[in-house]
Amino acid sequence: MQEKDAKHLYQWAEQWELSDPETVKLKGTPVLVFGNYDFEAPKPWLKLVQDPKALHISEQELEKITQPFKETILKEQQKRVSFYAAKQQH
């Protein structure tokens, strides 16, 4: 990931909420980075001109990658939803 893309992702995502400088109250948007990038190989996104599906990731592949984290992600998402719902009621 290039630096400008990483910054865009950081600004787009919800950030952690802290209770104090060392304690996470709410986790932010989960981001999973997977796979290896061969910096010596041709840039894979350039293949998209000839083949729009060159970078396709199947639903099954995504499920396999995300499954180990799914329970934690959903639990943390619910904490965030509950926190902001309670905050709006006050």
Foldseek 3Di string as FASTA:
>chain_A
DDPVVVVVVVVPKAQFDAPDPVHTPAHIDDDDDDDDDDPVDPDQVVCCVVPVCSPPDDPVNVCVRCVVPVVVNVVRVVSVVVVVVVVVVD
